[in-house]
Amino acid sequence: MAGLRIGLIGANPVAGWASRTHLPAIAACPGLSLVAACTTREESARAAAERYNAKHALTDPAALVALPEVDLVVISVRAPSHAALVELALAAGKPVLCEWPLGTGVAQSQELVVRAQRRRVPNFVCLQGFASPAALAMRELIEQEAVGKLLSVRMAGTFAAWGATVPATGTYLLDATNGVSLASIIGGHALHMLERIAGKWAEFSGFSANRRAHTRIIGSEETRPQTSPDQFVASGLLDNGAPAAVHLAGGIAGSEGFELLILGESGSLRLGTTTVPEILPPTLERSQDGDTLRPVAIEPRFRLAPASLGESPAVNVAQLYALVSAELGGGERRVPDFAEALALRRRIAETMP
C-alpha cells in the first residue's frame, strides 16, 4: 500500500521491546509512519512522539484505536495484557498486529480468533523469525531441493532467560499462569520458524519441564518461586517425512546460542545466531557433498528491511512490516494471523505439564 500509518501501544522509546524493534523499524522503513504513540505514562508517550514525529502522544489505548488516521494498531506490551488491547482494536474495526503470544492460553486465543473473524478485521501476529533474510533464503533453497531430499531436522538453543537470576522487571516470566514460559515464548517462535522453513508437523509430541523451583531477583537476595517451565523438548515427523527434534533450554547464561540444522541427501543447511532467532537476524551456512559448512551470501532480494538497520533486532520486525504492508495492499498472504497463532498455541499446550 502507498503508506501505512501506525498507532503503537507500548511505545516507550528508551526501554522495552518496542524501543529496540518496532520504533526503529517504523522510522527506517519507507511507507511507514508512526502517527500515535501510547504508553502508560504521559512523559514516555510524549518522548516517543517527539523522537519519532508522531502526531499523537497518548496514555489511553481506547483513544488510539479511535483515531481515524491509524491504519494499523500495533500491540507491544507484556503478554498478559495482549487480549484486552486486541479486543479494543477489533471493536474499532482496526487491522491489528499483536506480539506473540496472542493470548495467555488456548481459550483466550480462541476467543480472539472468533472475534476477528466475526468482525472481518485483518489480523497479524509478530512471529517474525521466519521473515529474516537468512530464513527466507533457507526456505527457498529447501524448496529448490538444493541439498536433496530432507533426511532430518534438528533445532537446539540455550538462553539466559528463566535462569538462576531475573531482573525485577522480569518476574512476571516466572509465573506459569501468565502464559509466558520458555515453551510458549521462545518455543512458539522456534516451532513456527521450523514449520515455515522445513515443513509442517505430520506427527508431533513433546513436553516441558521446570528444573528450578526458585529464582533470585538481580541486585537483591530476594527469591521468587518459578512455576514457568525452563526446558522444552519436542520431536516427530514433518509432512515431507523428515524426522525432527527440538530442545530449548533456559538459564544458560554466558553460552547462549541457537541453530536449525537441515540434513539432506546431498548436503546440509545451518541457520544460527548467538541469541533467540526472532531477535537477531541469523546467519546461513551450507555444505555440499560432505564438504564443511560455509557461509551463504544472502541475495539482496531477501532483504526487505532498510540497510540502515544493519543487523540489529529491528531487522526481523522490519521484514515483517514489509510483508504486512504488502498484504494490506492486496498482496500475497504471508504473515501469521490469529488462526495460525491459535494452532501454534494449541501445539505448545500439548507440551505443558
Protein backbone atom coordinates (compact mmCIF):
# COMPACT_ATOMS: atom_id res chain seq x y z
CA MET A 1 0.00 0.00 0.00
CA ALA A 2 1.10 3.60 -0.55
CA GLY A 3 1.60 4.35 3.13
CA LEU A 4 0.85 2.66 6.44
CA ARG A 5 0.05 4.88 9.40
CA ILE A 6 0.72 3.09 12.67
CA GLY A 7 -0.56 3.50 16.21
CA LEU A 8 1.82 1.74 18.61
CA ILE A 9 0.67 0.65 22.07
CA GLY A 10 3.75 0.11 24.23
CA ALA A 11 5.83 2.81 22.52
CA ASN A 12 8.35 3.51 25.28
CA PRO A 13 11.31 4.97 23.36
CA VAL A 14 14.06 4.02 25.83
CA ALA A 15 13.04 0.72 27.43
CA GLY A 16 11.32 -2.48 26.40
CA TRP A 17 10.98 -4.46 23.19
CA ALA A 18 9.44 -1.71 21.05
CA SER A 19 12.35 0.65 21.70
CA ARG A 20 14.72 -1.89 20.09
CA THR A 21 12.50 -3.12 17.29
CA HIS A 22 9.16 -1.53 16.37
CA LEU A 23 10.14 2.12 16.75
CA PRO A 24 13.41 1.98 14.77
CA ALA A 25 11.80 -0.29 12.17
CA ILE A 26 8.89 2.09 11.61
CA ALA A 27 11.26 5.07 11.42
CA ALA A 28 13.54 3.37 8.89
CA CYS A 29 11.01 1.76 6.54
CA PRO A 30 9.77 3.82 3.59
CA GLY A 31 5.99 4.00 3.57
CA LEU A 32 5.62 3.51 7.33
CA SER A 33 4.87 6.33 9.75
CA LEU A 34 4.13 6.48 13.44
CA VAL A 35 1.05 8.68 13.95
CA ALA A 36 0.23 7.72 17.56
CA ALA A 37 2.45 6.63 20.46
CA CYS A 38 0.75 5.17 23.52
CA THR A 39 2.35 4.24 26.86
CA THR A 40 1.14 4.10 30.44
CA ARG A 41 2.97 7.33 31.29
CA GLU A 42 2.47 10.72 29.68
CA GLU A 43 6.19 11.51 29.81
CA SER A 44 7.25 8.45 27.82
CA ALA A 45 4.40 8.86 25.34
CA ARG A 46 5.45 12.45 24.67
CA ALA A 47 9.10 11.42 24.37
CA ALA A 48 8.24 8.76 21.79
CA ALA A 49 6.02 11.13 19.82
CA GLU A 50 8.70 13.83 19.74
CA ARG A 51 11.51 11.45 18.81
CA TYR A 52 9.56 9.67 16.05
CA ASN A 53 7.44 12.60 14.81
CA ALA A 54 4.10 11.13 15.86
CA LYS A 55 1.12 13.47 15.90
CA HIS A 56 -0.47 11.92 18.99
CA ALA A 57 1.01 11.10 22.41
CA LEU A 58 -1.50 9.07 24.42
CA THR A 59 -1.91 7.09 27.61
CA ASP A 60 -5.33 5.66 26.74
CA PRO A 61 -5.31 2.76 24.22
CA ALA A 62 -9.02 3.32 23.54
CA ALA A 63 -8.21 6.82 22.31
CA LEU A 64 -5.55 5.43 19.97
CA VAL A 65 -7.77 2.82 18.30
CA ALA A 66 -10.45 5.51 17.78
CA LEU A 67 -8.16 7.73 15.70
CA PRO A 68 -9.32 7.72 12.06
CA GLU A 69 -5.77 8.25 10.77
CA VAL A 70 -4.48 5.00 12.31
CA ASP A 71 -4.33 2.28 9.62
CA LEU A 72 -2.74 -0.41 11.82
CA VAL A 73 -2.78 -0.88 15.59
CA VAL A 74 0.43 -2.50 16.87
CA ILE A 75 0.45 -4.03 20.36
CA SER A 76 3.85 -4.40 22.01
CA VAL A 77 3.25 -4.82 25.74
CA ARG A 78 3.54 -7.72 28.17
CA ALA A 79 1.67 -10.84 27.13
CA PRO A 80 -0.98 -10.82 29.90
CA SER A 81 -2.29 -7.51 28.51
CA HIS A 82 -2.48 -8.56 24.85
CA ALA A 83 -6.04 -9.85 24.75
CA ALA A 84 -7.76 -6.76 26.16
CA LEU A 85 -5.90 -4.47 23.77
CA VAL A 86 -6.59 -6.70 20.78
CA GLU A 87 -10.28 -6.58 21.63
CA LEU A 88 -10.18 -2.77 21.62
CA ALA A 89 -8.66 -2.73 18.15
CA LEU A 90 -11.10 -5.31 16.80
CA ALA A 91 -14.09 -3.46 18.24
CA ALA A 92 -12.90 -0.33 16.40
CA GLY A 93 -12.54 -2.30 13.17
CA LYS A 94 -8.80 -1.60 13.02
CA PRO A 95 -6.28 -4.00 11.46
CA VAL A 96 -4.09 -5.21 14.32
CA LEU A 97 -0.58 -6.60 14.69
CA CYS A 98 -0.04 -8.21 18.10
CA GLU A 99 3.13 -9.54 19.65
CA TRP A 100 3.37 -13.27 20.25
CA PRO A 101 1.82 -14.90 22.22
CA LEU A 102 -1.63 -13.75 21.16
CA GLY A 103 -3.28 -14.77 24.45
CA THR A 104 -2.23 -16.31 27.74
CA GLY A 105 -3.60 -19.68 26.68
CA VAL A 106 -5.67 -21.60 24.16
CA ALA A 107 -9.09 -20.41 25.37
CA GLN A 108 -8.19 -16.73 25.26
CA SER A 109 -6.53 -17.09 21.85
CA GLN A 110 -9.58 -18.97 20.53
CA GLU A 111 -11.89 -16.14 21.61
CA LEU A 112 -9.73 -13.57 19.79
CA VAL A 113 -9.79 -15.65 16.61
CA VAL A 114 -13.60 -15.83 16.76
CA ARG A 115 -13.93 -12.08 17.31
CA ALA A 116 -11.50 -11.21 14.50
CA GLN A 117 -13.31 -13.50 12.07
CA ARG A 118 -16.72 -12.22 13.12
CA ARG A 119 -15.68 -8.62 12.52
CA ARG A 120 -13.62 -9.49 9.41
CA VAL A 121 -10.71 -7.38 10.61
CA PRO A 122 -7.21 -8.07 9.17
CA ASN A 123 -5.11 -9.54 11.97
CA PHE A 124 -1.44 -10.43 12.29
CA VAL A 125 0.93 -11.81 14.92
CA CYS A 126 4.60 -10.93 15.41
CA LEU A 127 6.17 -14.31 14.70
CA GLN A 128 8.95 -12.68 12.76
CA GLY A 129 11.72 -15.30 12.82
CA PHE A 130 10.63 -16.86 9.53
CA ALA A 131 10.87 -13.44 7.83
CA SER A 132 14.59 -12.90 8.47
CA PRO A 133 16.65 -12.68 5.27
CA ALA A 134 18.53 -15.90 6.08
CA ALA A 135 15.33 -17.81 6.90
CA LEU A 136 13.68 -16.72 3.64
CA ALA A 137 16.78 -17.80 1.72
CA MET A 138 16.93 -21.13 3.55
CA ARG A 139 13.30 -21.85 2.75
CA GLU A 140 13.87 -21.23 -0.95
CA LEU A 141 16.94 -23.49 -1.01
CA ILE A 142 14.85 -26.29 0.53
CA GLU A 143 12.04 -25.73 -1.97
CA GLN A 144 14.61 -25.92 -4.79
CA GLU A 145 16.00 -29.17 -3.29
CA ALA A 146 19.44 -27.59 -3.09
CA VAL A 147 20.52 -30.24 -0.56
CA GLY A 148 18.35 -33.00 -1.97
CA LYS A 149 15.61 -34.81 -0.09
CA LEU A 150 15.45 -33.80 3.57
CA LEU A 151 16.75 -36.57 5.81
CA SER A 152 16.31 -34.92 9.21
CA VAL A 153 15.87 -31.63 11.03
CA ARG A 154 17.43 -30.64 14.34
CA MET A 155 16.82 -27.47 16.34
CA ALA A 156 18.60 -26.59 19.59
CA GLY A 157 19.01 -23.47 21.67
CA THR A 158 20.24 -22.29 25.06
CA PHE A 159 19.08 -18.98 26.52
CA ALA A 160 19.82 -16.88 29.60
CA ALA A 161 16.15 -16.25 30.46
CA TRP A 162 14.41 -18.49 33.00
CA GLY A 163 17.72 -18.95 34.80
CA ALA A 164 19.12 -18.56 38.30
CA THR A 165 18.50 -14.79 38.36
CA VAL A 166 15.95 -12.42 36.89
CA PRO A 167 15.65 -8.60 36.78
CA ALA A 168 12.86 -7.18 38.92
CA THR A 169 11.01 -6.15 35.75
CA GLY A 170 11.03 -9.75 34.52
CA THR A 171 9.47 -11.56 37.47
CA TYR A 172 6.19 -11.99 35.57
CA LEU A 173 8.04 -14.53 33.39
CA LEU A 174 8.30 -16.88 36.38
CA ASP A 175 4.55 -17.39 36.82
CA ALA A 176 3.12 -20.10 34.55
CA THR A 177 -0.37 -18.59 34.76
CA ASN A 178 0.86 -15.57 32.78
CA GLY A 179 1.39 -17.80 29.74
CA VAL A 180 4.99 -16.68 29.22
CA SER A 181 7.17 -19.75 29.72
CA LEU A 182 10.22 -20.66 27.68
CA ALA A 183 7.94 -23.08 25.83
CA SER A 184 5.27 -20.53 24.99
CA ILE A 185 7.57 -17.61 24.14
CA ILE A 186 10.82 -18.91 22.63
CA GLY A 187 9.30 -22.32 21.88
CA GLY A 188 6.46 -20.74 19.94
CA HIS A 189 8.77 -18.58 17.86
CA ALA A 190 11.11 -21.52 17.20
CA LEU A 191 8.39 -24.03 16.25
CA HIS A 192 6.75 -21.54 13.93
CA MET A 193 10.05 -20.81 12.17
CA LEU A 194 10.80 -24.53 11.82
CA GLU A 195 7.42 -25.20 10.20
CA ARG A 196 7.67 -22.25 7.83
CA ILE A 197 11.17 -23.30 6.72
CA ALA A 198 11.31 -27.10 6.83
CA GLY A 199 7.69 -28.30 6.71
CA LYS A 200 4.63 -28.73 8.87
CA TRP A 201 4.39 -31.37 11.57
CA ALA A 202 2.60 -34.54 10.50
CA GLU A 203 3.28 -36.21 13.86
CA PHE A 204 4.24 -34.30 16.99
CA SER A 205 4.91 -34.97 20.64
CA GLY A 206 6.73 -33.01 23.29
CA PHE A 207 6.98 -31.93 26.89
CA SER A 208 8.05 -29.02 29.04
CA ALA A 209 9.78 -29.24 32.39
CA ASN A 210 10.69 -26.84 35.16
CA ARG A 211 14.08 -27.58 36.71
CA ARG A 212 14.23 -24.52 39.00
CA ALA A 213 11.94 -24.04 41.97
CA HIS A 214 13.12 -20.51 42.80
CA THR A 215 14.88 -17.63 41.07
CA ARG A 216 16.78 -14.73 42.67
CA ILE A 217 16.00 -11.13 41.76
CA ILE A 218 19.12 -9.40 40.46
CA GLY A 219 20.55 -6.87 42.91
CA SER A 220 18.97 -8.44 45.97
CA GLU A 221 18.81 -11.63 47.98
CA GLU A 222 15.07 -11.94 47.39
CA THR A 223 13.88 -15.06 45.61
CA ARG A 224 10.63 -15.79 43.83
CA PRO A 225 9.03 -19.16 43.10
CA GLN A 226 9.33 -20.25 39.48
CA THR A 227 6.47 -22.31 38.10
CA SER A 228 7.17 -21.49 34.46
CA PRO A 229 8.97 -24.31 32.59
CA ASP A 230 12.60 -23.72 31.60
CA GLN A 231 13.03 -26.79 29.37
CA PHE A 232 11.24 -27.61 26.12
CA VAL A 233 11.61 -30.84 24.13
CA ALA A 234 9.69 -31.90 21.02
CA SER A 235 10.04 -34.44 18.24
CA GLY A 236 8.09 -36.00 15.43
CA LEU A 237 7.78 -36.29 11.66
CA LEU A 238 7.31 -33.46 9.20
CA ASP A 239 4.89 -33.71 6.30
CA ASN A 240 7.82 -34.40 3.96
CA GLY A 241 8.76 -37.47 6.00
CA ALA A 242 11.80 -35.99 7.72
CA PRO A 243 12.14 -36.67 11.45
CA ALA A 244 12.65 -33.53 13.52
CA ALA A 245 13.89 -32.94 17.06
CA VAL A 246 13.88 -29.77 19.19
CA HIS A 247 15.50 -28.98 22.55
CA LEU A 248 15.40 -25.49 24.05
CA ALA A 249 16.93 -24.85 27.47
CA GLY A 250 16.67 -21.77 29.68
CA GLY A 251 19.05 -20.45 32.30
CA ILE A 252 22.32 -20.94 30.41
CA ALA A 253 23.90 -17.52 30.92
CA GLY A 254 27.14 -16.96 29.04
CA SER A 255 26.62 -19.72 26.47
CA GLU A 256 23.50 -18.61 24.62
CA GLY A 257 23.05 -19.81 21.09
CA PHE A 258 20.60 -21.25 18.60
CA GLU A 259 20.79 -23.40 15.49
CA LEU A 260 18.46 -25.02 13.00
CA LEU A 261 20.26 -27.80 11.14
CA ILE A 262 18.77 -29.35 8.00
CA LEU A 263 20.39 -32.56 6.77
CA GLY A 264 19.75 -33.53 3.16
CA GLU A 265 20.85 -36.31 0.84
CA SER A 266 23.41 -34.10 -0.90
CA GLY A 267 24.32 -31.55 1.76
CA SER A 268 23.17 -29.59 4.77
CA LEU A 269 21.97 -26.13 5.78
CA ARG A 270 22.51 -24.41 9.12
CA LEU A 271 20.75 -21.33 10.46
CA GLY A 272 22.44 -19.94 13.56
CA THR A 273 22.56 -16.97 15.91
CA THR A 274 24.02 -16.09 19.31
CA THR A 275 20.60 -15.36 20.76
CA VAL A 276 16.98 -16.26 20.08
CA PRO A 277 16.26 -16.25 16.32
CA GLU A 278 13.38 -13.79 16.49
CA ILE A 279 15.69 -11.11 17.93
CA LEU A 280 18.89 -11.09 15.85
CA PRO A 281 18.95 -11.94 12.15
CA PRO A 282 20.62 -15.37 11.93
CA THR A 283 23.39 -16.37 9.55
CA LEU A 284 23.08 -19.14 6.97
CA GLU A 285 25.66 -21.81 6.15
CA ARG A 286 25.63 -24.62 3.59
CA SER A 287 27.64 -27.76 2.93
CA GLN A 288 27.59 -29.78 -0.29
CA ASP A 289 28.53 -33.44 -0.82
CA GLY A 290 30.18 -33.86 2.56
CA ASP A 291 32.12 -30.59 2.47
CA THR A 292 32.37 -28.35 5.54
CA LEU A 293 29.72 -25.75 6.27
CA ARG A 294 30.45 -22.43 4.56
CA PRO A 295 28.66 -19.06 4.83
CA VAL A 296 25.95 -18.38 2.27
CA ALA A 297 25.77 -14.89 0.81
CA ILE A 298 22.15 -13.77 1.17
CA GLU A 299 20.80 -12.32 -2.07
CA PRO A 300 19.57 -8.69 -1.79
CA ARG A 301 16.03 -9.71 -2.79
CA PHE A 302 15.61 -11.42 0.61
CA ARG A 303 16.49 -8.20 2.43
CA LEU A 304 13.21 -6.33 2.84
CA ALA A 305 14.46 -4.15 5.71
CA PRO A 306 16.45 -0.95 5.04
CA ALA A 307 20.22 -1.32 5.13
CA SER A 308 20.37 1.45 7.75
CA LEU A 309 19.12 -1.02 10.38
CA GLY A 310 22.31 -3.07 10.00
CA GLU A 311 21.97 -6.42 11.76
CA SER A 312 20.02 -5.05 14.73
CA PRO A 313 16.97 -6.61 16.43
CA ALA A 314 14.81 -4.25 14.36
CA VAL A 315 15.62 -6.09 11.11
CA ASN A 316 13.29 -9.07 11.51
CA VAL A 317 10.45 -6.82 12.66
CA ALA A 318 11.03 -4.51 9.69
CA GLN A 319 10.93 -7.56 7.41
CA LEU A 320 7.56 -8.47 8.92
CA TYR A 321 6.25 -4.91 8.48
CA ALA A 322 7.13 -5.09 4.79
CA LEU A 323 5.03 -8.25 4.45
CA VAL A 324 2.14 -6.77 6.48
CA SER A 325 2.11 -3.66 4.33
CA ALA A 326 2.12 -5.71 1.14
CA GLU A 327 -0.71 -7.92 2.42
CA LEU A 328 -2.88 -4.98 3.45
CA GLY A 329 -2.29 -3.63 -0.04
CA GLY A 330 -3.78 -6.75 -1.57
CA GLY A 331 -0.62 -8.82 -1.86
CA GLU A 332 0.07 -12.45 -1.04
CA ARG A 333 -0.89 -13.68 2.43
CA ARG A 334 2.38 -14.48 4.16
CA VAL A 335 2.10 -13.03 7.67
CA PRO A 336 0.91 -15.29 10.52
CA ASP A 337 -2.64 -14.42 11.53
CA PHE A 338 -4.62 -15.13 14.69
CA ALA A 339 -5.76 -18.53 13.41
CA GLU A 340 -2.16 -19.61 12.79
CA ALA A 341 -1.21 -18.32 16.23
CA LEU A 342 -4.04 -20.34 17.79
CA ALA A 343 -2.85 -23.54 16.08
CA LEU A 344 0.64 -22.88 17.41
CA ARG A 345 -0.72 -22.16 20.89
CA ARG A 346 -2.56 -25.49 20.86
CA ARG A 347 0.62 -27.31 19.90
CA ILE A 348 2.51 -25.62 22.74
CA ALA A 349 -0.28 -26.57 25.15
CA GLU A 350 0.28 -30.26 24.27
CA THR A 351 3.75 -29.99 25.80
CA MET A 352 2.83 -28.26 29.05
CA PRO A 353 2.82 -30.20 32.34
